[in-house]
Amino acid sequence: MPIGHTLLGLLESGPRHGYDLKRAFDERFGHDRPLHYGQVYSTMARLLKHGLVEVEGIEPGEGPERKRYAITEAGVTDVGQWLAQPEKPEPYLQSTLYTKVVLALLTHRSAADLLDTQRSEHLRLMRDLTRRKRDGDLTDQLICDHALFHLEADLRWLELTAARLDQLAAEVRK
């Protein structure tokens, strides 16, 4: 997720301090990966340098001075353009898992065991996500649905690959 664009989008509702931006980001998008404060401030410095935000005010604090950031017109335009662009679908044509299966076959290890172990891990994660989805708010439900759909597709690939292992082994060992 492009953090810069996300922080710019959060600033459209009004000026905020860095710690407010971090809190808003973590509440809306950081369930699995909260931002570090250093990441917020380095991103804000980059946005400031590019003219996408400005410092609206500086307040003294117990530690360093606290800057209140506001989005500029250039920042609003940049976020609008980013939101209008479709994301490139990621087909994962050469996945790590595929590589592991082929290497297992090439090195005469059990690709079937590798696929079984991966299937178990996928199912474990799916159970965790299903629990989180059941107990979560709408944001958690949507995030978990997205992850679950991807994991279901992976499981279908695991099953198909397991069914074709003999054929793949013959191809790989030619």
Protein backbone atom coordinates (compact mmCIF):
# COMPACT_ATOMS: atom_id res chain seq x y z
CA MET A 1 0.00 0.00 0.00
CA PRO A 2 1.44 3.39 -0.92
CA ILE A 3 1.77 5.05 2.45
CA GLY A 4 2.31 8.52 1.03
CA HIS A 5 -0.96 8.52 -0.87
CA THR A 6 -2.78 7.05 2.11
CA LEU A 7 -1.49 9.77 4.42
CA LEU A 8 -2.38 12.43 1.85
CA GLY A 9 -5.90 11.02 1.65
CA LEU A 10 -6.20 11.15 5.43
CA LEU A 11 -5.09 14.80 5.39
CA GLU A 12 -7.92 15.76 3.03
CA SER A 13 -10.31 15.76 5.98
CA GLY A 14 -8.17 18.40 7.68
CA PRO A 15 -4.70 19.18 9.06
CA ARG A 16 -3.17 16.70 11.50
CA HIS A 17 -0.07 16.07 13.53
CA GLY A 18 2.14 13.10 12.65
CA TYR A 19 0.92 11.07 15.62
CA ASP A 20 -2.71 11.73 14.59
CA LEU A 21 -1.91 10.49 11.09
CA LYS A 22 -0.32 7.34 12.51
CA ARG A 23 -3.33 6.68 14.72
CA ALA A 24 -5.80 7.24 11.86
CA PHE A 25 -3.75 5.02 9.53
CA ASP A 26 -3.49 2.23 12.10
CA GLU A 27 -7.23 2.36 12.88
CA ARG A 28 -8.28 2.17 9.24
CA PHE A 29 -5.49 0.29 7.46
CA GLY A 30 -2.87 -0.95 9.90
CA HIS A 31 -4.65 -3.88 11.50
CA ASP A 32 -1.94 -6.29 10.42
CA ARG A 33 0.93 -3.87 9.92
CA PRO A 34 0.79 -0.68 11.96
CA LEU A 35 3.02 2.17 10.86
CA HIS A 36 6.14 3.09 12.76
CA TYR A 37 6.42 6.72 13.78
CA GLY A 38 9.66 7.02 11.83
CA GLN A 39 7.86 5.88 8.70
CA VAL A 40 5.21 8.56 9.16
CA TYR A 41 7.73 11.36 9.65
CA SER A 42 10.03 10.29 6.82
CA THR A 43 7.01 10.06 4.49
CA MET A 44 5.78 13.47 5.59
CA ALA A 45 9.26 14.94 4.97
CA ARG A 46 9.21 13.51 1.44
CA LEU A 47 5.68 14.84 0.79
CA LEU A 48 6.73 18.24 2.13
CA LYS A 49 9.78 18.27 -0.16
CA HIS A 50 7.57 17.51 -3.18
CA GLY A 51 5.06 20.22 -2.27
CA LEU A 52 2.19 17.82 -1.59
CA VAL A 53 1.84 18.92 2.05
CA GLU A 54 2.78 21.99 4.01
CA VAL A 55 3.39 22.68 7.66
CA GLU A 56 0.36 24.60 8.86
CA GLY A 57 1.64 25.16 12.36
CA ILE A 58 4.28 24.20 14.86
CA GLU A 59 3.44 23.69 18.50
CA PRO A 60 5.84 23.22 21.38
CA GLY A 61 5.66 19.87 23.09
CA GLU A 62 7.39 18.03 25.90
CA GLY A 63 9.78 16.58 23.33
CA PRO A 64 10.40 17.91 19.85
CA GLU A 65 8.11 20.55 18.40
CA ARG A 66 4.93 19.12 16.90
CA LYS A 67 4.20 19.99 13.29
CA ARG A 68 0.66 20.10 11.99
CA TYR A 69 0.55 19.08 8.34
CA ALA A 70 -2.01 20.16 5.74
CA ILE A 71 -2.48 18.86 2.22
CA THR A 72 -1.79 21.28 -0.64
CA GLU A 73 -3.76 21.61 -3.88
CA ALA A 74 -0.98 19.64 -5.57
CA GLY A 75 -1.47 16.93 -2.94
CA VAL A 76 -5.23 16.82 -3.54
CA THR A 77 -4.61 16.50 -7.29
CA ASP A 78 -2.02 13.76 -6.71
CA VAL A 79 -4.38 11.72 -4.52
CA GLY A 80 -7.20 12.16 -7.03
CA GLN A 81 -5.01 10.89 -9.87
CA TRP A 82 -3.82 7.94 -7.77
CA LEU A 83 -7.39 6.99 -6.81
CA ALA A 84 -8.49 7.15 -10.45
CA GLN A 85 -5.78 4.74 -11.66
CA PRO A 86 -6.65 1.05 -11.59
CA GLU A 87 -4.24 -1.20 -9.71
CA LYS A 88 -2.24 -3.63 -11.81
CA PRO A 89 -3.53 -7.15 -11.20
CA GLU A 90 -0.77 -9.34 -9.82
CA PRO A 91 -1.02 -12.78 -11.42
CA TYR A 92 1.92 -14.26 -9.47
CA LEU A 93 3.07 -16.14 -12.53
CA GLN A 94 6.33 -17.25 -10.92
CA SER A 95 5.53 -17.77 -7.27
CA THR A 96 7.89 -18.93 -4.57
CA LEU A 97 5.65 -21.91 -3.96
CA TYR A 98 5.92 -23.04 -7.58
CA THR A 99 9.69 -22.65 -7.36
CA LYS A 100 9.78 -24.81 -4.24
CA VAL A 101 7.73 -27.55 -5.91
CA VAL A 102 10.01 -27.64 -8.95
CA LEU A 103 13.16 -27.60 -6.81
CA ALA A 104 11.78 -30.39 -4.63
CA LEU A 105 11.24 -32.47 -7.76
CA LEU A 106 14.67 -31.62 -9.18
CA THR A 107 16.40 -32.57 -5.94
CA HIS A 108 14.36 -35.75 -5.45
CA ARG A 109 12.61 -34.47 -2.35
CA SER A 110 8.92 -35.00 -1.72
CA ALA A 111 6.94 -32.31 -3.50
CA ALA A 112 3.79 -34.00 -2.20
CA ASP A 113 4.94 -33.45 1.40
CA LEU A 114 5.76 -29.83 0.58
CA LEU A 115 2.26 -29.33 -0.86
CA ASP A 116 0.64 -31.06 2.15
CA THR A 117 2.57 -28.86 4.57
CA GLN A 118 1.60 -25.74 2.63
CA ARG A 119 -2.04 -26.84 2.48
CA SER A 120 -2.05 -27.25 6.28
CA GLU A 121 -0.57 -23.78 6.73
CA HIS A 122 -3.13 -22.25 4.38
CA LEU A 123 -5.98 -23.96 6.23
CA ARG A 124 -4.61 -22.81 9.61
CA LEU A 125 -4.46 -19.21 8.40
CA MET A 126 -7.95 -19.49 6.90
CA ARG A 127 -9.31 -20.65 10.29
CA ASP A 128 -7.61 -17.68 12.00
CA LEU A 129 -8.99 -15.24 9.44
CA THR A 130 -12.48 -16.74 9.71
CA ARG A 131 -12.40 -16.25 13.49
CA ARG A 132 -11.14 -12.68 13.06
CA LYS A 133 -13.85 -12.03 10.47
CA ARG A 134 -16.58 -13.41 12.73
CA ASP A 135 -15.48 -11.29 15.70
CA GLY A 136 -14.45 -8.17 13.76
CA ASP A 137 -16.06 -5.02 12.50
CA LEU A 138 -16.89 -4.39 8.86
CA THR A 139 -13.31 -3.32 8.10
CA ASP A 140 -11.95 -6.59 9.50
CA GLN A 141 -14.59 -8.54 7.61
CA LEU A 142 -13.67 -6.97 4.27
CA ILE A 143 -9.92 -7.37 4.84
CA CYS A 144 -10.39 -10.99 5.88
CA ASP A 145 -12.66 -11.72 2.91
CA HIS A 146 -9.97 -10.43 0.55
CA ALA A 147 -7.32 -12.61 2.16
CA LEU A 148 -9.61 -15.64 2.31
CA PHE A 149 -10.45 -15.42 -1.39
CA HIS A 150 -6.74 -15.36 -2.24
CA LEU A 151 -6.06 -18.30 0.05
CA GLU A 152 -8.92 -20.26 -1.53
CA ALA A 153 -7.38 -19.69 -4.96
CA ASP A 154 -4.02 -20.86 -3.60
CA LEU A 155 -5.67 -24.00 -2.22
CA ARG A 156 -7.19 -24.76 -5.60
CA TRP A 157 -3.71 -24.40 -7.13
CA LEU A 158 -2.22 -26.68 -4.45
CA GLU A 159 -4.82 -29.37 -5.21
CA LEU A 160 -4.35 -29.10 -8.96
CA THR A 161 -0.56 -29.24 -8.63
CA ALA A 162 -0.77 -32.26 -6.31
CA ALA A 163 -2.93 -34.02 -8.91
CA ARG A 164 -0.36 -33.25 -11.63
CA LEU A 165 2.84 -33.99 -9.67
CA ASP A 166 3.78 -37.09 -11.67
CA GLN A 167 3.31 -35.21 -14.92
CA LEU A 168 5.28 -32.21 -13.62
CA ALA A 169 8.07 -34.46 -12.33
CA ALA A 170 8.41 -36.02 -15.79
CA GLU A 171 8.58 -32.56 -17.40
CA VAL A 172 11.06 -31.18 -14.89
CA ARG A 173 13.44 -34.14 -15.04
CA LYS A 174 13.73 -34.23 -18.85
